[in-house]
N, C-alpha and C. Protein backbone atom coordinates (compact mmCIF):
# COMPACT_ATOMS: atom_id res chain seq x y z
N MET A 1 -13.50 60.77 98.78
CA MET A 1 -12.27 60.18 99.21
C MET A 1 -12.37 58.66 99.23
N LYS A 2 -13.52 58.16 99.69
CA LYS A 2 -13.70 56.72 99.74
C LYS A 2 -13.68 56.13 98.34
N LYS A 3 -14.24 56.83 97.35
CA LYS A 3 -14.27 56.32 95.98
C LYS A 3 -12.85 56.21 95.43
N ASN A 4 -11.99 57.16 95.72
CA ASN A 4 -10.61 57.10 95.24
C ASN A 4 -9.85 55.98 95.91
N LEU A 5 -10.08 55.79 97.20
CA LEU A 5 -9.39 54.72 97.94
C LEU A 5 -9.83 53.35 97.42
N ILE A 6 -11.11 53.18 97.14
CA ILE A 6 -11.61 51.90 96.59
C ILE A 6 -11.05 51.70 95.19
N SER A 7 -10.94 52.73 94.42
CA SER A 7 -10.38 52.61 93.06
C SER A 7 -8.92 52.20 93.13
N VAL A 8 -8.17 52.75 94.08
CA VAL A 8 -6.76 52.39 94.23
C VAL A 8 -6.63 50.93 94.67
N VAL A 9 -7.47 50.47 95.58
CA VAL A 9 -7.43 49.08 96.04
C VAL A 9 -7.78 48.14 94.89
N ILE A 10 -8.79 48.49 94.12
CA ILE A 10 -9.17 47.66 92.97
C ILE A 10 -8.04 47.60 91.95
N LEU A 11 -7.40 48.73 91.69
CA LEU A 11 -6.27 48.76 90.76
C LEU A 11 -5.12 47.89 91.26
N ALA A 12 -4.84 47.95 92.55
CA ALA A 12 -3.76 47.14 93.13
C ALA A 12 -4.10 45.65 93.01
N LEU A 13 -5.35 45.28 93.27
CA LEU A 13 -5.75 43.89 93.14
C LEU A 13 -5.67 43.41 91.70
N LEU A 14 -6.02 44.26 90.75
CA LEU A 14 -5.89 43.91 89.33
C LEU A 14 -4.44 43.66 88.95
N VAL A 15 -3.54 44.51 89.43
CA VAL A 15 -2.12 44.34 89.14
C VAL A 15 -1.62 43.03 89.75
N VAL A 16 -2.01 42.74 90.99
CA VAL A 16 -1.60 41.49 91.64
C VAL A 16 -2.16 40.29 90.85
N ASN A 17 -3.41 40.39 90.42
CA ASN A 17 -4.02 39.32 89.63
C ASN A 17 -3.26 39.10 88.33
N ILE A 18 -2.88 40.15 87.65
CA ILE A 18 -2.12 40.02 86.39
C ILE A 18 -0.77 39.38 86.64
N VAL A 19 -0.11 39.75 87.72
CA VAL A 19 1.20 39.18 88.05
C VAL A 19 1.06 37.69 88.33
N PHE A 20 0.06 37.32 89.14
CA PHE A 20 -0.14 35.90 89.43
C PHE A 20 -0.52 35.11 88.19
N SER A 21 -1.31 35.68 87.30
CA SER A 21 -1.67 35.01 86.05
C SER A 21 -0.45 34.79 85.18
N ALA A 22 0.44 35.78 85.13
CA ALA A 22 1.67 35.64 84.33
C ALA A 22 2.56 34.56 84.90
N ILE A 23 2.70 34.53 86.22
CA ILE A 23 3.53 33.50 86.86
C ILE A 23 2.94 32.11 86.58
N THR A 24 1.63 31.97 86.70
CA THR A 24 0.97 30.69 86.44
C THR A 24 1.15 30.28 84.98
N LEU A 25 1.02 31.22 84.07
CA LEU A 25 1.17 30.93 82.65
C LEU A 25 2.56 30.40 82.34
N PHE A 26 3.59 31.06 82.85
CA PHE A 26 4.95 30.63 82.55
C PHE A 26 5.28 29.29 83.22
N SER A 27 4.77 29.05 84.41
CA SER A 27 5.08 27.78 85.08
C SER A 27 4.34 26.62 84.43
N VAL A 28 3.11 26.85 83.97
CA VAL A 28 2.33 25.78 83.34
C VAL A 28 2.82 25.51 81.92
N ALA A 29 3.27 26.52 81.21
CA ALA A 29 3.73 26.33 79.83
C ALA A 29 4.92 25.39 79.77
N GLY A 30 5.86 25.55 80.69
CA GLY A 30 7.02 24.66 80.71
C GLY A 30 6.63 23.23 81.03
N THR A 31 5.75 23.06 81.99
CA THR A 31 5.27 21.73 82.36
C THR A 31 4.47 21.11 81.23
N ASN A 32 3.69 21.92 80.54
CA ASN A 32 2.89 21.42 79.43
C ASN A 32 3.78 20.89 78.30
N LYS A 33 4.87 21.58 78.01
CA LYS A 33 5.79 21.11 76.97
C LYS A 33 6.40 19.77 77.37
N LYS A 34 6.79 19.64 78.63
CA LYS A 34 7.39 18.39 79.09
C LYS A 34 6.37 17.25 79.04
N THR A 35 5.14 17.54 79.42
CA THR A 35 4.08 16.51 79.38
C THR A 35 3.79 16.09 77.94
N ALA A 36 3.73 17.04 77.04
CA ALA A 36 3.48 16.71 75.63
C ALA A 36 4.61 15.85 75.07
N ALA A 37 5.85 16.16 75.42
CA ALA A 37 6.98 15.36 74.96
C ALA A 37 6.91 13.95 75.53
N LEU A 38 6.53 13.82 76.80
CA LEU A 38 6.42 12.51 77.42
C LEU A 38 5.32 11.68 76.76
N VAL A 39 4.18 12.28 76.50
CA VAL A 39 3.07 11.57 75.84
C VAL A 39 3.49 11.14 74.44
N THR A 40 4.19 11.99 73.73
CA THR A 40 4.66 11.64 72.39
C THR A 40 5.62 10.46 72.44
N ASP A 41 6.54 10.47 73.40
CA ASP A 41 7.49 9.37 73.55
C ASP A 41 6.78 8.06 73.88
N ILE A 42 5.81 8.13 74.78
CA ILE A 42 5.07 6.92 75.16
C ILE A 42 4.27 6.39 73.97
N ALA A 43 3.63 7.29 73.24
CA ALA A 43 2.84 6.85 72.08
C ALA A 43 3.72 6.20 71.02
N SER A 44 4.88 6.77 70.78
CA SER A 44 5.77 6.16 69.78
C SER A 44 6.33 4.83 70.28
N ALA A 45 6.60 4.70 71.58
CA ALA A 45 7.08 3.44 72.12
C ALA A 45 6.01 2.36 72.04
N ILE A 46 4.77 2.71 72.32
CA ILE A 46 3.68 1.74 72.22
C ILE A 46 3.49 1.30 70.78
N LYS A 47 3.55 2.22 69.84
CA LYS A 47 3.41 1.86 68.43
C LYS A 47 4.52 0.93 68.00
N LEU A 48 5.74 1.19 68.44
CA LEU A 48 6.84 0.30 68.10
C LEU A 48 6.62 -1.08 68.69
N ASP A 49 6.14 -1.15 69.94
CA ASP A 49 5.89 -2.44 70.55
C ASP A 49 4.81 -3.20 69.81
N LEU A 50 3.77 -2.53 69.38
CA LEU A 50 2.71 -3.19 68.64
C LEU A 50 3.23 -3.69 67.30
N ASP A 51 4.04 -2.90 66.64
CA ASP A 51 4.59 -3.31 65.36
C ASP A 51 5.53 -4.50 65.51
N LEU A 52 6.33 -4.51 66.57
CA LEU A 52 7.25 -5.61 66.78
C LEU A 52 6.55 -6.88 67.22
N ALA A 53 5.45 -6.73 67.96
CA ALA A 53 4.75 -7.90 68.47
C ALA A 53 4.10 -8.71 67.35
N ASP A 54 3.49 -8.05 66.38
CA ASP A 54 2.82 -8.74 65.31
C ASP A 54 3.04 -7.99 64.00
N PRO A 55 4.05 -8.37 63.23
CA PRO A 55 4.32 -7.63 62.00
C PRO A 55 3.20 -7.75 60.97
N ASN A 56 2.34 -8.76 61.09
CA ASN A 56 1.24 -8.93 60.14
C ASN A 56 -0.07 -8.37 60.69
N ALA A 57 0.03 -7.50 61.71
CA ALA A 57 -1.18 -6.96 62.32
C ALA A 57 -1.95 -6.14 61.31
N GLY A 58 -3.27 -6.24 61.39
CA GLY A 58 -4.12 -5.49 60.47
C GLY A 58 -4.23 -6.20 59.14
N GLU A 59 -5.12 -5.73 58.35
CA GLU A 59 -5.31 -6.33 57.05
C GLU A 59 -4.50 -5.57 56.01
N PRO A 60 -4.12 -6.22 54.95
CA PRO A 60 -3.33 -5.54 53.94
C PRO A 60 -4.12 -4.43 53.26
N VAL A 61 -3.40 -3.46 52.79
CA VAL A 61 -4.05 -2.36 52.07
C VAL A 61 -4.10 -2.74 50.59
N VAL A 62 -5.31 -2.92 50.11
CA VAL A 62 -5.52 -3.31 48.72
C VAL A 62 -6.32 -2.19 48.06
N PRO A 63 -5.82 -1.64 46.96
CA PRO A 63 -6.58 -0.59 46.28
C PRO A 63 -7.95 -1.11 45.83
N MET A 64 -8.93 -0.24 45.87
CA MET A 64 -10.30 -0.66 45.55
C MET A 64 -10.39 -1.22 44.13
N ALA A 65 -9.56 -0.76 43.23
CA ALA A 65 -9.59 -1.27 41.85
C ALA A 65 -9.14 -2.73 41.78
N ASP A 66 -8.41 -3.20 42.79
CA ASP A 66 -7.88 -4.56 42.79
C ASP A 66 -8.70 -5.50 43.68
N VAL A 67 -9.86 -5.06 44.14
CA VAL A 67 -10.68 -5.86 45.05
C VAL A 67 -11.82 -6.51 44.28
N ALA A 68 -11.97 -7.81 44.48
CA ALA A 68 -13.13 -8.55 43.97
C ALA A 68 -13.84 -9.13 45.19
N THR A 69 -15.16 -9.16 45.13
CA THR A 69 -15.90 -9.71 46.26
C THR A 69 -16.68 -10.94 45.83
N TYR A 70 -16.92 -11.79 46.80
CA TYR A 70 -17.71 -12.99 46.57
C TYR A 70 -18.72 -13.06 47.71
N ASP A 71 -20.01 -13.02 47.37
CA ASP A 71 -21.06 -13.00 48.37
C ASP A 71 -21.65 -14.38 48.57
N ILE A 72 -21.85 -14.71 49.84
CA ILE A 72 -22.55 -15.93 50.21
C ILE A 72 -23.74 -15.47 51.02
N ALA A 73 -24.92 -15.60 50.46
CA ALA A 73 -26.12 -15.01 51.05
C ALA A 73 -26.90 -16.00 51.89
N GLU A 74 -27.38 -15.52 53.01
CA GLU A 74 -28.36 -16.16 53.88
C GLU A 74 -28.09 -17.64 54.16
N LEU A 75 -27.08 -17.88 54.94
CA LEU A 75 -26.80 -19.22 55.43
C LEU A 75 -27.55 -19.40 56.74
N THR A 76 -28.30 -20.48 56.87
CA THR A 76 -28.96 -20.79 58.13
C THR A 76 -28.08 -21.79 58.87
N ILE A 77 -27.57 -21.35 60.03
CA ILE A 77 -26.58 -22.14 60.76
C ILE A 77 -27.10 -22.43 62.16
N PRO A 78 -27.12 -23.70 62.56
CA PRO A 78 -27.52 -24.01 63.94
C PRO A 78 -26.44 -23.55 64.92
N LEU A 79 -26.87 -22.99 66.03
CA LEU A 79 -25.93 -22.50 67.04
C LEU A 79 -25.84 -23.51 68.18
N LYS A 80 -24.76 -23.43 68.91
CA LYS A 80 -24.54 -24.29 70.06
C LYS A 80 -25.60 -23.99 71.12
N ALA A 81 -26.10 -25.01 71.78
CA ALA A 81 -27.15 -24.84 72.79
C ALA A 81 -26.57 -24.15 74.02
N MET A 82 -27.35 -23.23 74.56
CA MET A 82 -26.93 -22.55 75.78
C MET A 82 -27.26 -23.45 76.97
N GLU A 83 -26.51 -23.27 78.03
CA GLU A 83 -26.71 -24.08 79.22
C GLU A 83 -28.10 -23.78 79.82
N GLY A 84 -28.87 -24.81 80.04
CA GLY A 84 -30.20 -24.64 80.61
C GLY A 84 -31.26 -24.24 79.60
N ASP A 85 -30.92 -24.20 78.32
CA ASP A 85 -31.88 -23.81 77.28
C ASP A 85 -32.09 -25.01 76.37
N ASP A 86 -33.32 -25.47 76.25
CA ASP A 86 -33.60 -26.62 75.42
C ASP A 86 -34.12 -26.25 74.03
N LYS A 87 -34.12 -24.98 73.72
CA LYS A 87 -34.60 -24.53 72.41
C LYS A 87 -33.47 -24.61 71.39
N ASP A 88 -33.85 -24.90 70.15
CA ASP A 88 -32.88 -24.87 69.06
C ASP A 88 -32.69 -23.42 68.63
N ARG A 89 -31.45 -23.02 68.51
CA ARG A 89 -31.13 -21.65 68.11
C ARG A 89 -30.43 -21.67 66.75
N PHE A 90 -30.74 -20.65 65.94
CA PHE A 90 -30.18 -20.58 64.59
C PHE A 90 -29.68 -19.18 64.30
N GLY A 91 -28.76 -19.10 63.38
CA GLY A 91 -28.30 -17.82 62.89
C GLY A 91 -28.52 -17.75 61.39
N LEU A 92 -28.99 -16.61 60.92
CA LEU A 92 -29.15 -16.36 59.49
C LEU A 92 -28.07 -15.36 59.13
N VAL A 93 -27.07 -15.81 58.39
CA VAL A 93 -25.85 -15.03 58.18
C VAL A 93 -25.56 -14.87 56.69
N SER A 94 -25.16 -13.65 56.31
CA SER A 94 -24.65 -13.40 54.96
C SER A 94 -23.20 -12.97 55.09
N VAL A 95 -22.36 -13.51 54.23
CA VAL A 95 -20.91 -13.29 54.32
C VAL A 95 -20.39 -12.80 52.97
N THR A 96 -19.44 -11.85 53.04
CA THR A 96 -18.76 -11.38 51.83
C THR A 96 -17.27 -11.62 52.00
N LEU A 97 -16.67 -12.23 50.98
CA LEU A 97 -15.22 -12.45 50.95
C LEU A 97 -14.60 -11.40 50.05
N SER A 98 -13.59 -10.71 50.55
CA SER A 98 -12.86 -9.72 49.75
C SER A 98 -11.57 -10.36 49.27
N MET A 99 -11.34 -10.28 47.95
CA MET A 99 -10.17 -10.92 47.36
C MET A 99 -9.29 -9.90 46.65
N ASN A 100 -8.00 -10.12 46.73
CA ASN A 100 -7.02 -9.29 46.04
C ASN A 100 -6.79 -9.87 44.65
N MET A 101 -7.24 -9.15 43.62
CA MET A 101 -7.11 -9.66 42.25
C MET A 101 -5.67 -9.66 41.77
N LYS A 102 -4.78 -8.93 42.43
CA LYS A 102 -3.37 -8.89 42.03
C LYS A 102 -2.55 -10.01 42.67
N ASP A 103 -3.15 -10.76 43.59
CA ASP A 103 -2.45 -11.86 44.23
C ASP A 103 -2.23 -12.98 43.22
N LYS A 104 -1.11 -13.67 43.36
CA LYS A 104 -0.76 -14.73 42.40
C LYS A 104 -1.76 -15.89 42.41
N ASP A 105 -2.41 -16.13 43.54
CA ASP A 105 -3.35 -17.24 43.63
C ASP A 105 -4.77 -16.88 43.21
N TYR A 106 -5.03 -15.61 42.95
CA TYR A 106 -6.38 -15.22 42.56
C TYR A 106 -6.78 -15.89 41.24
N SER A 107 -5.87 -15.95 40.29
CA SER A 107 -6.22 -16.57 39.00
C SER A 107 -6.46 -18.07 39.16
N THR A 108 -5.79 -18.70 40.13
CA THR A 108 -5.97 -20.13 40.36
C THR A 108 -7.29 -20.44 41.04
N TYR A 109 -7.59 -19.70 42.12
CA TYR A 109 -8.77 -20.02 42.94
C TYR A 109 -9.91 -19.00 42.80
N GLY A 110 -9.57 -17.74 42.79
CA GLY A 110 -10.57 -16.69 42.93
C GLY A 110 -11.53 -16.56 41.77
N GLU A 111 -11.07 -16.81 40.57
CA GLU A 111 -11.94 -16.63 39.41
C GLU A 111 -12.98 -17.74 39.31
N ASP A 112 -12.74 -18.86 39.98
CA ASP A 112 -13.67 -19.98 39.95
C ASP A 112 -14.03 -20.40 41.37
N LEU A 113 -14.45 -19.45 42.17
CA LEU A 113 -14.76 -19.72 43.57
C LEU A 113 -16.07 -20.49 43.72
N ASP A 114 -16.95 -20.42 42.72
CA ASP A 114 -18.22 -21.13 42.80
C ASP A 114 -18.02 -22.64 42.94
N SER A 115 -16.99 -23.18 42.35
CA SER A 115 -16.76 -24.62 42.43
C SER A 115 -16.32 -25.04 43.83
N ARG A 116 -15.88 -24.10 44.65
CA ARG A 116 -15.43 -24.39 46.02
C ARG A 116 -16.37 -23.79 47.07
N LYS A 117 -17.53 -23.34 46.64
CA LYS A 117 -18.46 -22.67 47.54
C LYS A 117 -18.88 -23.56 48.71
N SER A 118 -19.12 -24.84 48.46
CA SER A 118 -19.56 -25.73 49.54
C SER A 118 -18.47 -25.89 50.60
N LEU A 119 -17.21 -25.88 50.18
CA LEU A 119 -16.11 -25.97 51.15
C LEU A 119 -16.04 -24.71 52.02
N ILE A 120 -16.26 -23.58 51.39
CA ILE A 120 -16.25 -22.31 52.13
C ILE A 120 -17.42 -22.26 53.10
N ILE A 121 -18.59 -22.66 52.66
CA ILE A 121 -19.77 -22.68 53.53
C ILE A 121 -19.55 -23.62 54.71
N SER A 122 -18.90 -24.74 54.46
CA SER A 122 -18.59 -25.68 55.54
C SER A 122 -17.71 -25.04 56.60
N GLU A 123 -16.71 -24.29 56.18
CA GLU A 123 -15.83 -23.61 57.14
C GLU A 123 -16.60 -22.56 57.93
N ILE A 124 -17.47 -21.81 57.25
CA ILE A 124 -18.29 -20.80 57.94
C ILE A 124 -19.19 -21.48 58.97
N ASN A 125 -19.83 -22.58 58.57
CA ASN A 125 -20.69 -23.33 59.49
C ASN A 125 -19.91 -23.82 60.70
N ASN A 126 -18.72 -24.37 60.47
CA ASN A 126 -17.92 -24.89 61.57
C ASN A 126 -17.57 -23.82 62.59
N VAL A 127 -17.26 -22.63 62.12
CA VAL A 127 -16.88 -21.55 63.03
C VAL A 127 -18.09 -21.04 63.81
N ILE A 128 -19.17 -20.74 63.13
CA ILE A 128 -20.32 -20.11 63.78
C ILE A 128 -21.08 -21.11 64.66
N SER A 129 -21.16 -22.37 64.27
CA SER A 129 -21.93 -23.34 65.06
C SER A 129 -21.26 -23.69 66.38
N GLN A 130 -20.03 -23.27 66.60
CA GLN A 130 -19.34 -23.52 67.86
C GLN A 130 -19.70 -22.52 68.95
N ARG A 131 -20.53 -21.53 68.64
CA ARG A 131 -20.87 -20.46 69.59
C ARG A 131 -22.34 -20.54 69.98
N THR A 132 -22.61 -20.06 71.19
CA THR A 132 -24.00 -19.93 71.63
C THR A 132 -24.57 -18.65 71.03
N MET A 133 -25.88 -18.46 71.20
CA MET A 133 -26.52 -17.27 70.63
C MET A 133 -25.96 -16.01 71.28
N ASP A 134 -25.76 -16.01 72.59
CA ASP A 134 -25.22 -14.83 73.25
C ASP A 134 -23.82 -14.50 72.75
N GLU A 135 -22.98 -15.51 72.60
CA GLU A 135 -21.63 -15.28 72.08
C GLU A 135 -21.68 -14.77 70.64
N ALA A 136 -22.59 -15.31 69.87
CA ALA A 136 -22.70 -14.91 68.46
C ALA A 136 -23.12 -13.45 68.34
N LYS A 137 -24.03 -13.00 69.20
CA LYS A 137 -24.48 -11.62 69.13
C LYS A 137 -23.37 -10.64 69.49
N GLU A 138 -22.46 -11.07 70.34
CA GLU A 138 -21.38 -10.18 70.80
C GLU A 138 -20.19 -10.13 69.86
N SER A 139 -19.98 -11.15 69.04
CA SER A 139 -18.65 -11.29 68.45
C SER A 139 -18.62 -11.53 66.95
N ASN A 140 -19.25 -10.70 66.15
CA ASN A 140 -19.15 -10.86 64.69
C ASN A 140 -17.71 -10.70 64.21
N HIS A 141 -16.98 -9.77 64.81
CA HIS A 141 -15.59 -9.57 64.36
C HIS A 141 -14.72 -10.79 64.67
N ILE A 142 -15.01 -11.50 65.74
CA ILE A 142 -14.26 -12.71 66.05
C ILE A 142 -14.58 -13.79 65.02
N PHE A 143 -15.85 -13.89 64.64
CA PHE A 143 -16.23 -14.82 63.57
C PHE A 143 -15.47 -14.51 62.30
N GLU A 144 -15.43 -13.24 61.94
CA GLU A 144 -14.76 -12.83 60.71
C GLU A 144 -13.30 -13.24 60.72
N ASP A 145 -12.62 -13.01 61.84
CA ASP A 145 -11.20 -13.37 61.94
C ASP A 145 -11.00 -14.88 61.86
N GLU A 146 -11.83 -15.63 62.56
CA GLU A 146 -11.71 -17.09 62.55
C GLU A 146 -12.01 -17.67 61.16
N ILE A 147 -13.06 -17.17 60.54
CA ILE A 147 -13.42 -17.66 59.20
C ILE A 147 -12.30 -17.35 58.22
N LEU A 148 -11.75 -16.13 58.29
CA LEU A 148 -10.66 -15.76 57.41
C LEU A 148 -9.47 -16.70 57.60
N GLU A 149 -9.12 -16.97 58.83
CA GLU A 149 -7.99 -17.86 59.10
C GLU A 149 -8.23 -19.26 58.54
N LYS A 150 -9.43 -19.78 58.74
CA LYS A 150 -9.76 -21.12 58.24
C LYS A 150 -9.73 -21.17 56.71
N ILE A 151 -10.29 -20.15 56.07
CA ILE A 151 -10.33 -20.14 54.60
C ILE A 151 -8.92 -19.97 54.03
N GLN A 152 -8.11 -19.11 54.64
CA GLN A 152 -6.73 -18.96 54.16
C GLN A 152 -5.95 -20.25 54.34
N THR A 153 -6.20 -20.97 55.41
CA THR A 153 -5.54 -22.26 55.62
C THR A 153 -6.03 -23.28 54.59
N MET A 154 -7.32 -23.27 54.32
CA MET A 154 -7.89 -24.21 53.35
C MET A 154 -7.28 -24.01 51.97
N PHE A 155 -7.16 -22.76 51.53
CA PHE A 155 -6.61 -22.47 50.21
C PHE A 155 -5.08 -22.41 50.23
N ASP A 156 -4.50 -22.39 51.41
CA ASP A 156 -3.05 -22.21 51.57
C ASP A 156 -2.59 -20.97 50.82
N SER A 157 -3.37 -19.90 50.98
CA SER A 157 -3.09 -18.64 50.29
C SER A 157 -3.79 -17.51 51.02
N LYS A 158 -3.33 -16.31 50.77
CA LYS A 158 -3.92 -15.13 51.38
C LYS A 158 -4.58 -14.23 50.34
N PHE A 159 -5.01 -14.80 49.21
CA PHE A 159 -5.68 -13.96 48.20
C PHE A 159 -7.03 -13.48 48.72
N ILE A 160 -7.65 -14.22 49.62
CA ILE A 160 -8.81 -13.72 50.36
C ILE A 160 -8.24 -13.04 51.59
N TYR A 161 -8.37 -11.73 51.64
CA TYR A 161 -7.71 -10.99 52.72
C TYR A 161 -8.68 -10.45 53.75
N LYS A 162 -9.98 -10.56 53.50
CA LYS A 162 -10.95 -10.03 54.45
C LYS A 162 -12.25 -10.78 54.33
N VAL A 163 -12.86 -11.06 55.49
CA VAL A 163 -14.20 -11.67 55.55
C VAL A 163 -15.08 -10.68 56.29
N THR A 164 -16.24 -10.39 55.72
CA THR A 164 -17.18 -9.47 56.35
C THR A 164 -18.53 -10.14 56.48
N ILE A 165 -19.06 -10.11 57.70
CA ILE A 165 -20.43 -10.59 57.91
C ILE A 165 -21.32 -9.41 57.63
N THR A 166 -22.00 -9.45 56.50
CA THR A 166 -22.80 -8.30 56.07
C THR A 166 -24.14 -8.20 56.79
N SER A 167 -24.68 -9.33 57.17
CA SER A 167 -25.89 -9.31 57.98
C SER A 167 -25.93 -10.58 58.82
N ALA A 168 -26.46 -10.44 60.02
CA ALA A 168 -26.55 -11.58 60.92
C ALA A 168 -27.79 -11.41 61.79
N ILE A 169 -28.63 -12.42 61.79
CA ILE A 169 -29.81 -12.45 62.64
C ILE A 169 -29.75 -13.75 63.42
N TYR A 170 -29.82 -13.63 64.74
CA TYR A 170 -29.75 -14.81 65.59
C TYR A 170 -31.07 -14.95 66.34
N GLN A 171 -31.58 -16.21 66.38
CA GLN A 171 -32.83 -16.45 67.07
C GLN A 171 -32.80 -17.80 67.73
C-alpha cells in the first residue's frame, strides 16, 4: 500500500512539475521575443549613429587585385625620453604602405614612390619620435592612423589608403 501511495505522490509531483515548466516556458518565450526585438533596435540605432557621426569611418574596400604595396624596411627612430629616464631609446620599425592602383593619383605619385621615399620617412620619423617607449609599445595602430593622415596630407590624395607597421622593436 505504501508503494502505491508513494507512486501516486511522485506522479502528482511530476504533473505539477510539467505544468510549472510549461507556464515558465510560455512566460519566458514572450519576454525573450521582446528582449530580442529591443536588442535589435538598439543595435541598428547604434550603427546608424556611428555611420552618421563619421561617414568616412573605416578604410575603403579595395580589391586585392587593385592593391600595390610599398615597403620601407627597418627605420631606426629615436623615441622621446621618458620622465626620469636618461637613456636614449630607439625604435626599429618596418612600414608598408598600401596603395589603390585604380585611384587617379596612383599614376602620378604611386608608380614613382622611390623618388619621394625620404619625404615619407621624414613623416614616419616625425610621428613615432613624438612618443615615449611605453606609448610606442601600446599604440602601433595610433601610429598607423597618424602616419596615414600625414602622408595623405603631404600628397593631397588618398591613393595611399592604409599604413601597416609590419614589425616594431623598441629598446
